[in-house]
Amino acid sequence: MRAIVYEEFGAAEVLHVAEVPVPHIRPTDLLVKVAAAGVNRADLLQRTGFY
């Protein structure tokens, strides 16, 4: 599956789209397909290492 990932803290340039494995789920778990997601202040702070 595709995901936006970062491997270091920094500006928007550290974000990139990557293929990652589909998570393995247990029988009691649920895997949800997300078509779109928002970005909020907490996401930006985490990317820069402040959260």
PDB file of N, CA and C in Angstrom:
ATOM      1  N   MET A   1       0.838  -1.170   0.000  1.00  0.00           N
ATOM      2  CA  MET A   1       0.000   0.000   0.000  1.00  0.00           C
ATOM      3  C   MET A   1       0.884   1.235   0.000  1.00  0.00           C
ATOM      4  N   ARG A   2       0.350   2.342  -0.462  1.00  0.00           N
ATOM      5  CA  ARG A   2       1.120   3.583  -0.488  1.00  0.00           C
ATOM      6  C   ARG A   2       0.887   4.362   0.796  1.00  0.00           C
ATOM      7  N   ALA A   3       1.937   5.030   1.255  1.00  0.00           N
ATOM      8  CA  ALA A   3       1.847   5.847   2.464  1.00  0.00           C
ATOM      9  C   ALA A   3       2.805   7.021   2.333  1.00  0.00           C
ATOM     10  N   ILE A   4       2.473   8.114   2.981  1.00  0.00           N
ATOM     11  CA  ILE A   4       3.402   9.231   3.079  1.00  0.00           C
ATOM     12  C   ILE A   4       4.213   9.002   4.341  1.00  0.00           C
ATOM     13  N   VAL A   5       5.521   8.930   4.191  1.00  0.00           N
ATOM     14  CA  VAL A   5       6.400   8.608   5.313  1.00  0.00           C
ATOM     15  C   VAL A   5       7.526   9.628   5.424  1.00  0.00           C
ATOM     16  N   TYR A   6       8.146   9.637   6.593  1.00  0.00           N
ATOM     17  CA  TYR A   6       9.384  10.398   6.773  1.00  0.00           C
ATOM     18  C   TYR A   6      10.299   9.588   7.666  1.00  0.00           C
ATOM     19  N   GLU A   7      11.588   9.671   7.408  1.00  0.00           N
ATOM     20  CA  GLU A   7      12.567   8.891   8.151  1.00  0.00           C
ATOM     21  C   GLU A   7      13.489   9.760   8.982  1.00  0.00           C
ATOM     22  N   GLU A   8      13.264  11.062   8.960  1.00  0.00           N
ATOM     23  CA  GLU A   8      14.032  12.013   9.758  1.00  0.00           C
ATOM     24  C   GLU A   8      13.152  13.227  10.000  1.00  0.00           C
ATOM     25  N   PHE A   9      13.478  14.007  11.012  1.00  0.00           N
ATOM     26  CA  PHE A   9      12.743  15.228  11.271  1.00  0.00           C
ATOM     27  C   PHE A   9      13.188  16.296  10.290  1.00  0.00           C
ATOM     28  N   GLY A  10      12.282  17.218   9.966  1.00  0.00           N
ATOM     29  CA  GLY A  10      12.666  18.297   9.073  1.00  0.00           C
ATOM     30  C   GLY A  10      11.481  18.956   8.408  1.00  0.00           C
ATOM     31  N   ALA A  11      11.770  19.715   7.384  1.00  0.00           N
ATOM     32  CA  ALA A  11      10.755  20.458   6.636  1.00  0.00           C
ATOM     33  C   ALA A  11       9.947  19.499   5.760  1.00  0.00           C
ATOM     34  N   ALA A  12       9.044  20.062   4.986  1.00  0.00           N
ATOM     35  CA  ALA A  12       8.164  19.249   4.145  1.00  0.00           C
ATOM     36  C   ALA A  12       8.936  18.356   3.178  1.00  0.00           C
ATOM     37  N   GLU A  13      10.162  18.707   2.866  1.00  0.00           N
ATOM     38  CA  GLU A  13      10.956  17.921   1.921  1.00  0.00           C
ATOM     39  C   GLU A  13      11.299  16.522   2.431  1.00  0.00           C
ATOM     40  N   VAL A  14      11.186  16.285   3.738  1.00  0.00           N
ATOM     41  CA  VAL A  14      11.487  14.946   4.258  1.00  0.00           C
ATOM     42  C   VAL A  14      10.335  13.975   4.016  1.00  0.00           C
ATOM     43  N   LEU A  15       9.165  14.480   3.654  1.00  0.00           N
ATOM     44  CA  LEU A  15       8.019  13.621   3.367  1.00  0.00           C
ATOM     45  C   LEU A  15       8.151  13.029   1.972  1.00  0.00           C
ATOM     46  N   HIS A  16       7.804  11.755   1.828  1.00  0.00           N
ATOM     47  CA  HIS A  16       7.776  11.147   0.503  1.00  0.00           C
ATOM     48  C   HIS A  16       6.782   9.991   0.493  1.00  0.00           C
ATOM     49  N   VAL A  17       6.300   9.684  -0.692  1.00  0.00           N
ATOM     50  CA  VAL A  17       5.364   8.574  -0.864  1.00  0.00           C
ATOM     51  C   VAL A  17       6.177   7.302  -1.033  1.00  0.00           C
ATOM     52  N   ALA A  18       5.795   6.264  -0.299  1.00  0.00           N
ATOM     53  CA  ALA A  18       6.514   4.992  -0.361  1.00  0.00           C
ATOM     54  C   ALA A  18       5.525   3.837  -0.337  1.00  0.00           C
ATOM     55  N   GLU A  19       5.945   2.725  -0.874  1.00  0.00           N
ATOM     56  CA  GLU A  19       5.173   1.491  -0.770  1.00  0.00           C
ATOM     57  C   GLU A  19       5.559   0.817   0.541  1.00  0.00           C
ATOM     58  N   VAL A  20       4.587   0.539   1.364  1.00  0.00           N
ATOM     59  CA  VAL A  20       4.825  -0.132   2.642  1.00  0.00           C
ATOM     60  C   VAL A  20       3.963  -1.390   2.695  1.00  0.00           C
ATOM     61  N   PRO A  21       4.381  -2.390   3.450  1.00  0.00           N
ATOM     62  CA  PRO A  21       3.579  -3.613   3.520  1.00  0.00           C
ATOM     63  C   PRO A  21       2.238  -3.367   4.211  1.00  0.00           C
ATOM     64  N   VAL A  22       1.239  -4.103   3.781  1.00  0.00           N
ATOM     65  CA  VAL A  22      -0.068  -4.039   4.440  1.00  0.00           C
ATOM     66  C   VAL A  22       0.102  -4.619   5.837  1.00  0.00           C
ATOM     67  N   PRO A  23      -0.384  -3.930   6.876  1.00  0.00           N
ATOM     68  CA  PRO A  23      -0.216  -4.437   8.243  1.00  0.00           C
ATOM     69  C   PRO A  23      -0.913  -5.785   8.435  1.00  0.00           C
ATOM     70  N   HIS A  24      -0.282  -6.647   9.219  1.00  0.00           N
ATOM     71  CA  HIS A  24      -0.919  -7.919   9.579  1.00  0.00           C
ATOM     72  C   HIS A  24      -1.872  -7.635  10.732  1.00  0.00           C
ATOM     73  N   ILE A  25      -3.077  -8.111  10.613  1.00  0.00           N
ATOM     74  CA  ILE A  25      -4.058  -7.869  11.673  1.00  0.00           C
ATOM     75  C   ILE A  25      -4.460  -9.190  12.317  1.00  0.00           C
ATOM     76  N   ARG A  26      -4.858  -9.096  13.580  1.00  0.00           N
ATOM     77  CA  ARG A  26      -5.340 -10.258  14.317  1.00  0.00           C
ATOM     78  C   ARG A  26      -6.827 -10.445  14.026  1.00  0.00           C
ATOM     79  N   PRO A  27      -7.383 -11.584  14.356  1.00  0.00           N
ATOM     80  CA  PRO A  27      -8.809 -11.825  14.102  1.00  0.00           C
ATOM     81  C   PRO A  27      -9.726 -10.806  14.782  1.00  0.00           C
ATOM     82  N   THR A  28      -9.262 -10.194  15.861  1.00  0.00           N
ATOM     83  CA  THR A  28     -10.101  -9.220  16.569  1.00  0.00           C
ATOM     84  C   THR A  28      -9.856  -7.789  16.102  1.00  0.00           C
ATOM     85  N   ASP A  29      -8.951  -7.594  15.121  1.00  0.00           N
ATOM     86  CA  ASP A  29      -8.640  -6.259  14.604  1.00  0.00           C
ATOM     87  C   ASP A  29      -9.467  -5.952  13.363  1.00  0.00           C
ATOM     88  N   LEU A  30      -9.395  -4.708  12.955  1.00  0.00           N
ATOM     89  CA  LEU A  30     -10.103  -4.249  11.766  1.00  0.00           C
ATOM     90  C   LEU A  30      -9.151  -3.393  10.950  1.00  0.00           C
ATOM     91  N   LEU A  31      -9.038  -3.655   9.655  1.00  0.00           N
ATOM     92  CA  LEU A  31      -8.209  -2.866   8.755  1.00  0.00           C
ATOM     93  C   LEU A  31      -9.131  -1.971   7.942  1.00  0.00           C
ATOM     94  N   VAL A  32      -8.909  -0.662   8.016  1.00  0.00           N
ATOM     95  CA  VAL A  32      -9.779   0.314   7.361  1.00  0.00           C
ATOM     96  C   VAL A  32      -9.048   0.918   6.173  1.00  0.00           C
ATOM     97  N   LYS A  33      -9.691   0.928   5.011  1.00  0.00           N
ATOM     98  CA  LYS A  33      -9.120   1.564   3.826  1.00  0.00           C
ATOM     99  C   LYS A  33      -9.450   3.052   3.881  1.00  0.00           C
ATOM    100  N   VAL A  34      -8.425   3.896   3.825  1.00  0.00           N
ATOM    101  CA  VAL A  34      -8.600   5.345   3.900  1.00  0.00           C
ATOM    102  C   VAL A  34      -8.390   5.923   2.508  1.00  0.00           C
ATOM    103  N   ALA A  35      -9.362   6.696   2.033  1.00  0.00           N
ATOM    104  CA  ALA A  35      -9.262   7.315   0.706  1.00  0.00           C
ATOM    105  C   ALA A  35      -8.623   8.692   0.786  1.00  0.00           C
ATOM    106  N   ALA A  36      -8.800   9.388   1.890  1.00  0.00           N
ATOM    107  CA  ALA A  36      -8.231  10.729   2.062  1.00  0.00           C
ATOM    108  C   ALA A  36      -8.066  10.993   3.551  1.00  0.00           C
ATOM    109  N   ALA A  37      -7.076  11.817   3.885  1.00  0.00           N
ATOM    110  CA  ALA A  37      -6.837  12.164   5.283  1.00  0.00           C
ATOM    111  C   ALA A  37      -6.355  13.601   5.366  1.00  0.00           C
ATOM    112  N   GLY A  38      -6.694  14.257   6.446  1.00  0.00           N
ATOM    113  CA  GLY A  38      -6.270  15.636   6.645  1.00  0.00           C
ATOM    114  C   GLY A  38      -4.951  15.709   7.396  1.00  0.00           C
ATOM    115  N   VAL A  39      -4.315  16.850   7.296  1.00  0.00           N
ATOM    116  CA  VAL A  39      -3.084  17.118   8.033  1.00  0.00           C
ATOM    117  C   VAL A  39      -3.377  18.267   8.984  1.00  0.00           C
ATOM    118  N   ASN A  40      -3.046  18.094  10.260  1.00  0.00           N
ATOM    119  CA  ASN A  40      -3.317  19.152  11.229  1.00  0.00           C
ATOM    120  C   ASN A  40      -2.022  19.597  11.914  1.00  0.00           C
ATOM    121  N   ARG A  41      -2.147  20.507  12.841  1.00  0.00           N
ATOM    122  CA  ARG A  41      -0.969  21.077  13.501  1.00  0.00           C
ATOM    123  C   ARG A  41      -0.123  20.016  14.205  1.00  0.00           C
ATOM    124  N   ALA A  42      -0.759  19.048  14.838  1.00  0.00           N
ATOM    125  CA  ALA A  42       0.001  17.994  15.519  1.00  0.00           C
ATOM    126  C   ALA A  42       0.855  17.205  14.525  1.00  0.00           C
ATOM    127  N   ASP A  43       0.345  16.962  13.331  1.00  0.00           N
ATOM    128  CA  ASP A  43       1.129  16.268  12.303  1.00  0.00           C
ATOM    129  C   ASP A  43       2.357  17.083  11.917  1.00  0.00           C
ATOM    130  N   LEU A  44       2.184  18.380  11.769  1.00  0.00           N
ATOM    131  CA  LEU A  44       3.307  19.248  11.404  1.00  0.00           C
ATOM    132  C   LEU A  44       4.342  19.304  12.517  1.00  0.00           C
ATOM    133  N   LEU A  45       3.888  19.382  13.770  1.00  0.00           N
ATOM    134  CA  LEU A  45       4.821  19.409  14.898  1.00  0.00           C
ATOM    135  C   LEU A  45       5.590  18.095  15.016  1.00  0.00           C
ATOM    136  N   GLN A  46       4.924  16.973  14.767  1.00  0.00           N
ATOM    137  CA  GLN A  46       5.598  15.676  14.842  1.00  0.00           C
ATOM    138  C   GLN A  46       6.679  15.580  13.770  1.00  0.00           C
ATOM    139  N   ARG A  47       6.384  16.060  12.572  1.00  0.00           N
ATOM    140  CA  ARG A  47       7.358  16.009  11.483  1.00  0.00           C
ATOM    141  C   ARG A  47       8.621  16.800  11.816  1.00  0.00           C
ATOM    142  N   THR A  48       8.463  17.912  12.532  1.00  0.00           N
ATOM    143  CA  THR A  48       9.617  18.739  12.868  1.00  0.00           C
ATOM    144  C   THR A  48      10.283  18.318  14.177  1.00  0.00           C
ATOM    145  N   GLY A  49       9.717  17.320  14.872  1.00  0.00           N
ATOM    146  CA  GLY A  49      10.337  16.806  16.087  1.00  0.00           C
ATOM    147  C   GLY A  49       9.906  17.494  17.366  1.00  0.00           C
ATOM    148  N   PHE A  50       8.835  18.274  17.328  1.00  0.00           N
ATOM    149  CA  PHE A  50       8.376  18.998  18.513  1.00  0.00           C
ATOM    150  C   PHE A  50       7.159  18.374  19.177  1.00  0.00           C
ATOM    151  N   TYR A  51       6.753  17.185  18.785  1.00  0.00           N
ATOM    152  CA  TYR A  51       5.540  16.597  19.355  1.00  0.00           C
ATOM    153  C   TYR A  51       5.799  15.173  19.743  1.00  0.00           C
TER     154      TYR A  51
END
